[in-house]
Protein backbone atom coordinates (compact mmCIF):
# COMPACT_ATOMS: atom_id res chain seq x y z
CA MET A 1 81.27 88.03 -238.67
CA GLU A 2 79.48 86.22 -235.81
CA ASN A 3 76.81 84.83 -238.13
CA THR A 4 79.52 83.62 -240.52
CA MET A 5 81.34 81.76 -237.76
CA THR A 6 78.09 80.20 -236.49
CA MET A 7 77.23 78.92 -239.95
CA ARG A 8 80.78 77.63 -240.41
CA LEU A 9 80.64 75.70 -237.10
CA PHE A 10 77.24 74.22 -238.07
CA LEU A 11 78.53 73.03 -241.46
CA SER A 12 81.75 71.55 -240.07
CA ARG A 13 80.51 69.95 -236.84
CA VAL A 14 76.87 69.08 -237.53
CA LEU A 15 76.26 68.69 -241.28
CA PHE A 16 79.74 67.44 -242.26
CA PRO A 17 79.55 63.94 -240.55
CA PHE A 18 76.18 63.21 -242.22
CA LEU A 19 77.61 64.07 -245.64
CA VAL A 20 80.56 61.75 -245.03
CA MET A 21 78.78 58.67 -243.80
CA PRO A 22 76.54 57.70 -246.73
CA PHE A 23 79.25 58.00 -249.39
CA PHE A 24 82.15 56.38 -247.60
CA ALA A 25 80.53 53.71 -245.41
CA MET A 26 82.58 50.53 -245.52
CA PRO A 27 81.57 47.04 -244.34
CA PHE A 28 84.66 46.57 -242.26
CA PHE A 29 86.34 48.18 -239.25
CA ALA A 30 89.85 49.31 -238.59
CA GLN A 31 92.05 48.29 -235.73
CA ALA A 32 92.09 50.79 -232.87
CA GLY A 33 95.25 52.93 -232.84
CA GLU A 34 96.55 56.49 -232.45
CA VAL A 35 95.05 58.95 -234.92
CA THR A 36 96.72 62.35 -234.92
CA ILE A 37 96.61 65.65 -236.79
CA GLU A 38 99.82 67.69 -236.75
CA VAL A 39 101.47 70.74 -238.13
CA ALA A 40 105.00 70.52 -239.51
CA PRO A 41 107.51 71.62 -238.61
CA GLU A 42 106.55 71.40 -234.97
CA MET A 43 109.37 73.70 -233.85
CA GLY A 44 111.59 76.27 -235.49
CA GLY A 45 113.07 79.72 -235.49
CA PHE A 46 112.29 82.31 -238.10
CA VAL A 47 112.91 86.03 -238.73
CA VAL A 48 110.50 88.84 -239.15
CA ASP A 49 108.92 89.09 -242.67
CA GLU A 50 110.35 85.70 -243.69
CA ARG A 51 108.03 83.62 -245.89
CA VAL A 52 107.52 80.36 -244.05
CA THR A 53 105.69 77.25 -245.24
CA PHE A 54 103.85 74.88 -242.87
CA ARG A 55 102.03 71.65 -243.63
CA VAL A 56 99.09 69.91 -241.96
CA PHE A 57 99.46 66.09 -241.84
CA VAL A 58 97.15 63.33 -240.64
CA SER A 59 98.33 59.89 -239.43
CA SER A 60 95.88 57.08 -238.62
CA ASP A 61 98.17 54.25 -237.44
CA GLY A 62 96.61 51.66 -239.70
CA GLN A 63 92.99 52.76 -239.33
CA LEU A 64 90.94 53.40 -242.44
CA VAL A 65 89.72 57.01 -242.56
CA ASN A 66 87.86 59.03 -245.20
CA ALA A 67 87.51 62.62 -244.01
CA VAL A 68 89.13 65.33 -241.90
CA GLN A 69 88.09 68.68 -240.50
CA ALA A 70 89.87 71.14 -238.18
CA GLN A 71 90.43 74.71 -237.10
CA LEU A 72 93.99 75.92 -236.64
CA SER A 73 94.35 79.03 -234.46
CA TYR A 74 97.22 81.54 -234.34
CA ASP A 75 97.95 85.00 -232.91
CA PRO A 76 97.13 87.51 -235.67
CA LYS A 77 99.33 90.08 -233.94
CA MET A 78 102.38 87.86 -234.26
CA VAL A 79 101.95 86.28 -237.70
CA ALA A 80 99.85 86.65 -240.85
CA VAL A 81 98.59 83.66 -242.85
CA THR A 82 99.06 84.98 -246.35
CA SER A 83 97.58 82.03 -248.24
CA VAL A 84 96.64 78.36 -248.19
CA ASP A 85 97.54 75.82 -250.84
CA LYS A 86 95.51 72.72 -251.67
CA GLU A 87 97.90 71.38 -254.25
CA GLY A 88 99.04 67.85 -253.37
CA SER A 89 96.32 67.44 -250.69
CA LEU A 90 94.77 64.03 -250.18
CA VAL A 91 91.41 65.76 -249.83
CA SER A 92 89.54 65.43 -253.10
CA SER A 93 86.23 67.03 -252.12
CA TRP A 94 86.13 70.03 -249.82
CA THR A 95 83.05 70.25 -247.64
CA GLU A 96 84.51 73.42 -246.12
CA GLU A 97 86.91 75.31 -248.34
CA PRO A 98 90.02 76.47 -246.47
CA ILE A 99 89.15 79.88 -245.04
CA ILE A 100 91.47 82.39 -243.30
CA ASP A 101 89.80 84.54 -240.62
CA GLU A 102 92.38 87.26 -239.99
CA ALA A 103 90.39 88.93 -237.23
CA LEU A 104 89.96 85.79 -235.11
CA GLY A 105 93.23 84.18 -236.14
CA LEU A 106 91.63 80.98 -237.48
CA VAL A 107 92.19 78.74 -240.49
CA SER A 108 89.19 76.43 -240.99
CA PHE A 109 89.00 73.53 -243.41
CA GLY A 110 87.30 70.20 -243.98
CA GLY A 111 86.90 67.62 -246.71
CA MET A 112 86.68 64.00 -247.85
CA LEU A 113 89.46 61.80 -249.18
CA ALA A 114 89.39 60.28 -252.64
CA THR A 115 89.36 56.80 -251.11
CA SER A 116 89.11 55.28 -247.66
CA THR A 117 92.63 54.54 -246.52
CA ALA A 118 95.09 54.44 -243.64
CA LEU A 119 97.32 57.54 -243.54
CA ASP A 120 100.96 57.99 -242.58
CA ARG A 121 101.59 61.72 -242.55
CA GLY A 122 99.07 62.26 -245.29
CA LEU A 123 99.15 65.88 -246.54
CA VAL A 124 95.93 67.83 -245.96
CA LEU A 125 96.84 71.47 -246.41
CA VAL A 126 99.82 73.82 -246.93
CA LEU A 127 99.95 77.18 -245.12
CA HIS A 128 102.09 80.17 -246.08
CA ILE A 129 102.84 82.34 -243.07
CA ARG A 130 104.72 85.62 -242.59
CA PRO A 131 105.97 86.50 -239.08
CA LEU A 132 105.11 90.13 -238.15
CA ARG A 133 107.11 90.76 -234.97
CA THR A 134 109.70 89.20 -232.69
CA GLY A 135 108.61 86.79 -229.97
CA GLU A 136 107.00 83.38 -229.75
CA PHE A 137 103.87 82.08 -231.42
CA THR A 138 102.02 78.78 -231.65
CA LEU A 139 99.83 77.05 -234.21
CA HIS A 140 97.13 75.31 -232.19
CA PHE A 141 94.34 72.92 -233.24
CA GLU A 142 91.02 73.86 -231.66
CA GLN A 143 88.72 71.41 -229.97
CA GLY A 144 86.20 69.94 -232.41
CA ALA A 145 88.74 68.74 -234.92
CA ALA A 146 87.93 65.33 -236.30
CA VAL A 147 89.28 62.49 -238.46
CA HIS A 148 86.33 60.34 -239.49
CA ALA A 149 86.55 56.56 -239.63
CA ALA A 150 85.61 54.64 -242.76
CA ASP A 151 83.63 52.01 -240.81
CA GLY A 152 80.09 52.89 -241.81
CA THR A 153 79.52 55.15 -238.80
CA GLY A 154 81.68 58.15 -239.65
CA GLY A 155 82.77 58.36 -236.01
CA ASN A 156 85.61 60.65 -234.92
CA THR A 157 88.75 58.55 -234.41
CA LEU A 158 91.07 61.47 -233.54
CA THR A 159 93.11 60.77 -230.41
CA GLY A 160 95.47 63.74 -230.24
CA PHE A 161 96.94 66.95 -231.68
CA ARG A 162 100.50 68.00 -232.34
CA ASP A 163 100.67 71.76 -232.18
CA GLY A 164 103.60 73.87 -233.29
CA ARG A 165 105.72 76.29 -231.19
CA TYR A 166 108.05 78.77 -232.79
CA ARG A 167 110.31 81.75 -232.20
CA VAL A 168 110.54 84.85 -234.37
CA ASN A 169 113.88 86.67 -234.35
CA PRO A 170 114.67 90.10 -235.69
CA LYS A 171 116.30 90.36 -239.08
CA ASP A 172 119.58 91.49 -237.42
CA LEU A 173 120.24 88.82 -234.82
CA SER A 174 123.12 90.87 -233.33
CA SER A 175 120.64 93.44 -232.04
CA GLU A 176 119.23 90.91 -229.59
CA ALA A 177 122.38 88.88 -228.90
CA THR A 178 122.36 87.43 -225.38
CA ASP A 179 124.29 84.88 -223.37
CA GLU A 180 121.29 82.47 -223.55
CA THR A 181 121.42 79.16 -225.35
CA PRO A 182 120.60 79.58 -229.06
CA LEU A 183 116.85 79.22 -229.67
CA GLY A 184 117.29 76.40 -232.15
CA GLU A 185 118.81 74.21 -229.48
CA VAL A 186 116.09 75.11 -226.99
CA LEU A 187 113.45 74.04 -229.48
CA GLY A 188 115.31 70.94 -230.57
CA VAL A 189 116.04 72.17 -234.07
CA ALA A 190 119.54 73.22 -235.21
CA THR A 191 119.56 76.84 -236.31
CA ASP A 192 121.42 75.98 -239.53
CA THR A 193 119.07 73.15 -240.53
CA PRO A 194 116.46 74.01 -243.18
CA PRO A 195 112.98 73.67 -241.60
CA ILE A 196 111.49 71.91 -244.65
CA THR A 197 112.61 69.69 -247.50
CA PRO A 198 112.84 71.07 -251.06
CA VAL A 199 110.32 68.62 -252.50
CA THR A 200 107.52 66.64 -250.83
CA ILE A 201 105.89 63.62 -252.56
CA THR A 202 102.33 62.56 -251.98
CA SER A 203 99.92 60.31 -253.87
CA ALA A 204 96.17 60.73 -254.20
CA THR A 205 95.75 57.10 -255.31
CA HIS A 206 98.31 55.45 -253.01
CA PRO A 207 98.54 57.77 -249.98
CA ASP A 208 100.03 55.28 -247.47
CA GLN A 209 103.42 53.87 -248.40
CA GLU A 210 102.93 50.90 -246.05
CA ALA A 211 99.49 49.94 -247.37
CA TRP A 212 98.59 47.71 -250.28
CA TYR A 213 96.34 48.84 -253.12
CA SER A 214 94.67 47.13 -256.07
CA ALA A 215 94.83 50.21 -258.31
CA THR A 216 97.49 49.76 -261.04
CA SER A 217 97.70 53.46 -261.90
CA SER A 218 99.30 55.84 -259.45
CA LYS A 219 99.22 59.64 -259.46
CA PHE A 220 102.11 61.34 -257.66
CA LEU A 221 102.00 64.95 -256.54
CA PHE A 222 105.09 67.08 -255.90
CA HIS A 223 105.17 70.16 -253.71
CA VAL A 224 108.23 71.97 -254.84
CA GLU A 225 109.73 74.76 -252.70
CA GLU A 226 111.11 77.97 -254.13
CA GLY A 227 114.69 77.66 -255.29
CA VAL A 228 114.35 74.18 -256.83
CA THR A 229 115.32 74.51 -260.48
CA ALA A 230 114.73 70.94 -261.66
CA ILE A 231 113.82 67.48 -260.53
CA ARG A 232 114.78 64.00 -261.80
CA LEU A 233 112.54 60.95 -261.53
CA GLY A 234 112.98 57.17 -261.65
CA PHE A 235 110.57 54.29 -261.05
CA ASP A 236 111.54 50.66 -260.36
CA THR A 237 111.42 47.91 -257.71
CA LYS A 238 114.69 49.00 -255.99
CA ALA A 239 114.35 50.67 -252.63
CA HIS A 240 117.09 53.22 -253.47
CA GLY A 241 117.26 53.33 -257.24
CA LEU A 242 118.41 56.13 -259.53
CA ALA A 243 116.43 59.12 -260.78
CA ARG A 244 117.41 59.66 -264.41
CA VAL A 245 114.60 61.49 -266.20
CA ARG A 246 115.03 65.28 -265.73
CA TYR A 247 112.20 67.84 -265.62
CA ALA A 248 113.12 71.54 -265.81
CA PRO A 249 111.27 73.48 -264.65
CA PRO A 250 110.00 71.03 -262.05
CA ILE A 251 106.63 69.34 -262.70
CA SER A 252 103.92 69.23 -260.00
CA ALA A 253 102.39 65.84 -260.83
CA LYS A 254 103.20 62.53 -262.57
CA THR A 255 100.90 59.61 -263.39
CA ILE A 256 102.25 56.11 -264.02
CA ASP A 257 99.83 53.54 -265.48
CA ASN A 258 99.77 49.75 -265.76
CA ILE A 259 101.98 49.06 -262.76
CA ASP A 260 102.69 45.35 -262.21
CA GLU A 261 102.07 43.67 -258.90
CA GLY A 262 104.70 44.09 -256.20
CA VAL A 263 106.48 46.87 -254.34
CA TRP A 264 107.60 49.79 -256.52
CA TYR A 265 109.51 52.94 -255.70
CA LEU A 266 109.42 56.44 -257.20
CA HIS A 267 112.87 58.04 -256.88
CA LEU A 268 113.19 61.83 -256.90
CA ALA A 269 116.27 64.03 -256.91
CA ALA A 270 115.99 67.82 -256.59
CA GLU A 271 118.39 70.36 -258.03
CA VAL A 272 118.86 73.53 -255.96
CA PRO A 273 121.14 76.55 -256.62
CA SER A 274 123.41 75.65 -253.67
CA ALA A 275 124.17 72.34 -255.42
CA ALA A 276 123.14 70.59 -252.24
CA SER A 277 122.12 67.01 -252.80
CA PHE A 278 118.55 66.04 -251.98
CA THR A 279 116.91 62.72 -252.87
CA THR A 280 113.81 60.96 -251.66
CA ASP A 281 111.83 57.81 -252.46
CA TYR A 282 108.13 56.93 -252.37
CA ALA A 283 106.89 53.34 -252.12
CA VAL A 284 103.81 51.96 -253.92
CA ARG A 285 102.49 48.47 -253.13
CA ILE A 286 100.30 46.86 -255.79
CA ASP A 287 98.24 43.65 -255.49
CA HIS A 288 95.23 43.18 -257.74
CA THR A 289 94.92 39.38 -257.50
CA PRO A 290 92.37 37.69 -255.18
CA PRO A 291 93.61 35.38 -252.40
CA ASP A 292 95.04 32.07 -253.53
CA GLN A 293 92.72 29.72 -251.66
CA PHE A 294 89.89 29.91 -249.08
CA THR A 295 88.17 27.19 -247.06
CA VAL A 296 85.19 27.45 -244.69
CA ASN A 297 84.00 24.51 -242.56
CA GLU A 298 81.25 24.26 -239.95
CA VAL A 299 82.44 23.14 -236.52
CA PRO A 300 80.40 20.03 -235.59
CA ARG A 301 77.53 20.58 -233.14
CA SER A 302 76.40 18.01 -230.56
CA ASN A 303 72.85 19.35 -230.94
CA THR A 304 71.65 20.48 -234.34
CA ALA A 305 69.03 22.65 -232.62
CA ASP A 306 71.82 24.78 -231.16
CA PRO A 307 71.31 28.20 -232.80
CA ASN A 308 74.92 29.25 -232.25
CA VAL A 309 76.91 27.91 -235.24
CA ARG A 310 80.73 28.16 -235.53
CA PHE A 311 82.85 28.10 -238.66
CA SER A 312 86.59 27.63 -239.09
CA VAL A 313 88.16 29.74 -241.87
CA ASP A 314 91.52 29.57 -243.58
CA ALA A 315 92.89 31.52 -246.55
CA THR A 316 96.27 32.40 -248.07
CA ASP A 317 97.51 35.29 -250.21
CA ALA A 318 101.10 35.09 -251.40
CA LEU A 319 101.59 38.79 -252.07
CA SER A 320 99.92 41.14 -249.64
CA GLY A 321 98.54 38.61 -247.19
CA ILE A 322 95.06 38.13 -245.69
CA ALA A 323 93.72 41.14 -243.84
CA HIS A 324 90.31 39.91 -242.58
CA TYR A 325 87.13 38.08 -243.51
CA LEU A 326 83.59 39.31 -244.22
CA MET A 327 80.86 37.01 -242.99
CA ALA A 328 77.18 37.50 -243.93
CA ILE A 329 74.24 35.24 -242.97
CA ASP A 330 71.20 35.09 -245.28
CA GLY A 331 72.04 38.28 -247.12
CA GLU A 332 72.31 40.41 -243.94
CA ALA A 333 75.05 43.04 -243.47
CA ALA A 334 78.51 41.50 -243.44
CA VAL A 335 80.47 41.23 -240.21
CA ARG A 336 84.24 41.85 -240.27
CA PHE A 337 86.12 38.94 -238.67
CA VAL A 338 89.85 38.84 -238.02
CA SER A 339 91.10 35.28 -237.51
CA ASP A 340 93.96 34.39 -235.23
CA GLY A 341 94.07 30.90 -236.74
CA VAL A 342 92.47 29.32 -233.68
CA GLN A 343 89.23 31.06 -232.76
CA PRO A 344 86.41 30.26 -235.18
CA PHE A 345 83.74 32.66 -236.43
CA GLU A 346 80.43 32.25 -234.54
CA ALA A 347 76.94 33.13 -235.76
CA LYS A 348 74.68 33.47 -232.76
CA GLY A 349 70.94 33.25 -232.13
CA LEU A 350 69.85 31.83 -235.51
CA THR A 351 66.25 30.79 -236.00
CA PRO A 352 65.39 27.18 -236.99
CA GLY A 353 65.65 26.57 -240.68
CA VAL A 354 68.14 26.39 -243.55
CA HIS A 355 70.67 29.25 -243.68
CA VAL A 356 73.40 30.34 -246.08
CA LEU A 357 76.75 31.78 -244.99
CA HIS A 358 78.41 34.06 -247.55
CA ALA A 359 82.07 34.33 -246.57
CA SER A 360 84.75 36.45 -248.21
CA ALA A 361 88.50 36.43 -247.61
CA VAL A 362 89.91 39.95 -248.08
CA ASP A 363 93.60 40.54 -248.71
CA LYS A 364 95.47 43.69 -247.66
CA ALA A 365 94.78 45.34 -251.01
CA GLY A 366 91.03 44.77 -250.75
CA ASN A 367 90.82 41.85 -253.23
CA THR A 368 88.30 39.18 -252.23
CA LEU A 369 87.62 35.48 -252.70
CA SER A 370 84.12 34.30 -251.65
CA ILE A 371 82.44 31.01 -250.66
CA ASP A 372 78.84 30.11 -249.83
CA ARG A 373 78.02 27.46 -247.18
CA SER A 374 74.54 26.09 -246.48
CA PHE A 375 73.63 24.75 -243.03
CA GLU A 376 70.53 24.03 -240.96
CA VAL A 377 69.33 24.74 -237.42
CA THR A 378 66.64 22.25 -236.38
CA HIS A 379 63.80 22.51 -233.82
CA LEU A 380 63.93 20.97 -230.36
CA PRO A 381 61.42 18.16 -229.80
CA SER A 382 57.94 19.58 -229.06
CA PRO A 383 56.78 19.22 -225.42
CA ARG A 384 54.16 16.54 -224.54
CA LEU A 385 51.33 17.69 -222.24
CA THR A 386 49.15 15.59 -219.90
CA LEU A 387 46.37 16.91 -217.67
CA HIS A 388 46.64 15.80 -214.02
CA ASP A 389 42.86 15.59 -213.87
CA ARG A 390 40.66 15.53 -216.96
CA ALA A 391 37.85 17.14 -214.85
CA GLN A 392 39.19 20.58 -214.13
CA HIS A 393 37.29 22.58 -211.54
CA GLU A 394 36.38 26.21 -211.28
CA ARG A 395 38.50 28.43 -209.01
CA GLU A 396 41.35 25.90 -209.12
CA PRO A 397 44.72 26.20 -210.95
CA LEU A 398 45.56 24.34 -214.14
CA ARG A 399 47.77 21.32 -213.45
CA LEU A 400 49.87 19.69 -216.16
CA LEU A 401 52.62 17.16 -216.49
CA ILE A 402 55.10 18.29 -219.23
CA GLN A 403 57.78 16.11 -220.82
CA GLY A 404 60.45 17.51 -223.19
CA SER A 405 64.11 18.48 -223.41
CA LYS A 406 66.12 18.41 -220.22
CA ASP A 407 66.72 21.73 -218.45
CA ALA A 408 64.52 23.46 -220.98
CA MET A 409 62.11 26.25 -220.13
CA PHE A 410 58.53 25.53 -221.14
CA ALA A 411 56.29 28.45 -222.07
CA VAL A 412 52.71 27.24 -221.29
CA SER A 413 49.80 29.10 -222.88
CA PHE A 414 46.10 28.49 -222.20
CA SER A 415 43.08 30.28 -223.65
CA ARG A 416 39.42 30.37 -222.48
CA ASN A 417 36.67 30.57 -225.09
CA GLY A 418 39.10 31.71 -227.79
CA ALA A 419 40.20 34.81 -225.87
CA ALA A 420 43.82 36.07 -225.64
CA PRO A 421 45.95 33.38 -224.01
CA ILE A 422 47.59 33.54 -220.63
CA SER A 423 51.29 32.51 -220.67
CA GLU A 424 53.36 31.19 -217.79
CA ASN A 425 56.77 29.50 -217.63
CA VAL A 426 58.16 26.44 -215.87
CA VAL A 427 61.65 24.88 -216.03
CA ALA A 428 62.24 21.18 -216.70
CA ASP A 429 64.46 19.05 -214.54
CA GLY A 430 67.44 16.99 -215.68
CA SER A 431 65.13 14.35 -217.15
CA GLY A 432 63.11 16.88 -219.14
CA ALA A 433 59.97 16.63 -216.95
CA ALA A 434 58.12 19.48 -215.23
CA ASN A 435 54.95 19.73 -213.10
CA PHE A 436 53.09 22.84 -214.07
CA VAL A 437 50.66 24.55 -211.67
CA SER A 438 49.28 27.79 -213.02
CA LYS A 439 49.18 30.96 -210.97
CA ALA A 440 45.88 31.90 -212.61
CA THR A 441 42.74 30.02 -211.56
CA LEU A 442 40.21 28.55 -213.97
CA LEU A 443 36.77 29.95 -214.80
CA PRO A 444 33.85 28.18 -216.48
CA GLY A 445 34.35 27.77 -220.17
CA LEU A 446 36.07 25.81 -222.96
CA TYR A 447 39.89 25.84 -222.73
CA GLU A 448 42.84 25.07 -224.99
CA VAL A 449 46.37 24.61 -223.63
CA TRP A 450 49.68 24.24 -225.48
CA ALA A 451 53.41 24.81 -224.81
CA SER A 452 56.80 25.38 -226.48
CA ALA A 453 60.35 24.81 -225.23
CA THR A 454 63.59 26.82 -225.19
CA ASP A 455 66.84 25.19 -224.04
CA THR A 456 69.95 26.71 -222.47
CA THR A 457 71.65 27.29 -225.86
CA GLY A 458 68.68 29.26 -227.18
CA GLY A 459 67.26 26.43 -229.28
CA ILE A 460 63.48 26.46 -229.63
CA SER A 461 60.79 23.86 -230.36
CA LYS A 462 57.65 23.93 -232.41
CA GLU A 463 54.36 24.36 -230.60
CA SER A 464 53.04 21.24 -228.86
CA GLU A 465 49.76 19.51 -229.65
CA ARG A 466 46.85 21.49 -228.21
CA ILE A 467 44.70 19.91 -225.48
CA SER A 468 41.04 20.95 -225.00
CA PHE A 469 39.04 20.66 -221.79
CA SER A 470 36.00 22.33 -220.22
CA VAL A 471 35.34 23.76 -216.80
CA SER A 472 31.74 23.73 -215.39
CA ALA A 473 30.33 26.32 -213.08
CA SER A 474 29.99 25.39 -209.38
CA PHE A 475 27.59 26.82 -206.79
CA PHE A 476 30.48 28.24 -204.82
CA GLY A 477 31.97 29.67 -208.01
CA VAL A 478 28.69 31.34 -208.98
CA MET A 479 28.42 32.81 -205.49
CA THR A 480 31.95 34.13 -205.75
CA ARG A 481 31.73 35.45 -209.29
CA HIS A 482 28.21 37.00 -208.82
CA PRO A 483 27.96 38.37 -205.24
CA PHE A 484 24.46 39.81 -205.95
CA VAL A 485 23.02 36.29 -206.23
CA PRO A 486 23.40 35.34 -202.52
CA VAL A 487 22.18 38.81 -201.57
CA ALA A 488 19.07 38.39 -203.70
CA LEU A 489 18.44 34.90 -202.38
CA LEU A 490 18.74 36.08 -198.76
CA ALA A 491 16.38 38.94 -199.51
CA PHE A 492 13.86 36.50 -201.01
CA ILE A 493 13.98 34.24 -197.97
CA ILE A 494 13.53 37.20 -195.64
CA LEU A 495 10.55 38.47 -197.63
CA ALA A 496 8.98 34.99 -197.72
CA LEU A 497 9.25 34.56 -193.96
CA PHE A 498 7.88 37.99 -193.41
CA GLY A 499 4.92 37.32 -195.69
CA MET A 500 4.09 34.03 -193.95
CA ARG A 501 4.15 35.75 -190.60
CA LEU A 502 1.72 38.44 -191.82
CA LEU A 503 -0.73 35.79 -193.07
CA LYS A 504 -0.63 33.93 -189.78
CA LYS A 505 -1.41 37.09 -187.82
CA LYS A 506 -4.30 37.89 -190.13
CA HIS A 507 -5.99 34.48 -189.52
CA GLN A 508 -5.64 34.77 -185.80
CA LYS A 509 -7.48 38.16 -185.66
CA GLN A 510 -10.51 37.17 -187.94
CA PRO A 511 -14.02 36.94 -185.76
CA LEU A 512 -16.30 33.85 -185.74
CA VAL A 513 -19.56 34.11 -187.84
CA ARG A 514 -22.72 33.16 -185.84
CA ALA A 515 -25.91 32.10 -187.82
CA ALA A 516 -29.37 33.58 -186.99
CA ALA A 517 -31.82 31.40 -185.07
CA ILE A 518 -34.12 29.43 -187.26
CA PRO A 519 -37.62 28.89 -185.91
CA GLU A 520 -38.80 25.41 -185.34
CA THR A 521 -40.27 24.04 -188.43
CA THR A 522 -41.63 20.80 -189.48
CA SER A 523 -41.16 19.53 -192.95
CA THR A 524 -42.33 16.37 -194.50
CA THR A 525 -40.78 14.81 -197.47
CA SER A 526 -41.06 11.53 -199.15
CA ALA A 527 -37.49 10.82 -198.37
CA SER A 528 -37.20 11.85 -194.69
CA LYS A 529 -39.12 12.16 -191.46
CA PRO A 530 -40.15 15.41 -189.93
CA THR A 531 -37.39 17.13 -188.02
CA THR A 532 -38.04 19.44 -185.19
CA SER A 533 -35.50 22.04 -184.04
CA ARG A 534 -35.76 24.19 -181.07
CA GLY A 535 -33.50 27.27 -181.36
CA ARG A 536 -30.64 25.30 -182.91
CA ILE A 537 -28.95 25.37 -186.30
CA VAL A 538 -29.91 22.20 -187.98
CA LEU A 539 -28.45 21.21 -191.26
CA GLN A 540 -31.09 19.73 -193.51
CA PRO A 541 -30.70 17.89 -196.75
CA ARG A 542 -31.32 19.96 -199.76
CA VAL A 543 -34.89 19.41 -201.08
CA GLN A 544 -35.17 19.59 -204.80
CA ALA A 545 -38.43 20.78 -206.33
CA PRO A 546 -40.27 18.13 -208.27
CA LYS A 547 -39.87 18.39 -211.95
CA HIS A 548 -43.09 18.78 -213.90
CA PRO A 549 -43.47 18.14 -217.54
CA PRO A 550 -44.00 21.22 -219.63
CA LEU A 551 -47.58 22.30 -220.09
CA ARG A 552 -48.98 21.89 -223.44
CA LEU A 553 -51.48 24.60 -224.41
CA GLY A 554 -54.48 23.87 -226.39
């Protein structure tokens, strides 16, 4: 039992919304309102073992919905749910078949509607209940119930529940007669008033009597209570016409095809054994013609580069009236727009270029009339850049004078040697001028600098003309960028000084070389006189030996 309940909760609360969304997503949104799920009657007095019929209704207050799921709890000691009836339900596809859990006292159900629509007491389910003992009991909707919106998200739009509270009396009321106020008055229901009507009309194709539909065939469903012997039907444009065609026994459904445009009424009269008179009417509103006329005009812009473009719209529909407009730019998803006749539709943040607006006027029956409008968003003027100094220096910032659109923000980009650019911003003054001083400093290399502009409306410019310049290395820059260079240079100077000092010390310590005494000699040459030396070193000219011719033998 516990595994069954866990699986049931998973299917109804986790898997169910994802099944609903893809098949019933709609490109428009409903007005916010009160969405309720209720059980009827809400109050009443019954007797033990009486067969009682209850109905579950959903009302969406004008919002389009496409699915419902809920759990209705009761006290299994007080009442027994003998059966559930899906006949006449607006639910066409059950994602969770109605299940009665007698042990827990729960009735679980969930499903999708045949069409996305606004509901006014739309019938979901019929319960047949038998009271078991005297006392009070309630029919209570558990938390987790949901009515899903037909807005493309499948979100839960449910805002409240309307539970039921009831009293069970014994079969012989005299056995519990008291001086208290009759229970029917306490609960707000007269004790002699029947708790339900003999016949209830619903429509699977036109579930909301106040809504307009384009379908020209309507299927009506009749839930006939026990004791009704026959019904009579009529169909015309009178709010309270006559029901002349008799069906005995009563039929459970009737389809009428090829209904003309306008408001039509199905009239029903029920015959009961007590000969009491009961009549009811059901309205069907048909409009299958598109709106009569539709105009779309662009609101003039003072600046064609403004990416926020506004359009005035106007359409008329003589029968059901205009419900809303669908506006799509360049084939994107349509946006639902409800016009008050004054406020225009605005498309924001468009990129420069030619765009196409596809606009559709939608009447209250869902018929459309469409128009395409072409328009253009231009670029802002490109900024003009001027270098403050053509000779840019290493370790200094980049300085530019920029001229462009007033109050625009300039995005300045500069790249060194083709690397990834650095980008910084500066805002123009009222004349469109700006002095740019970069936060980043320049390094040696070949640079390119360019800029683009964005104004206060979001308009953008094309990229400016690129300016090229070079930055040469400086001694100070080299020293800063390569700290090992000054260290190496200092080491070289120190080593050179140290080496020179060693050489100087070496020369100072070297001894003098004394020559040996040369005895006094006397030499006679043809070129000089004899020289006499007495114990002194005398430098003499070098005497060359005479050259003799080679001897010739024999």
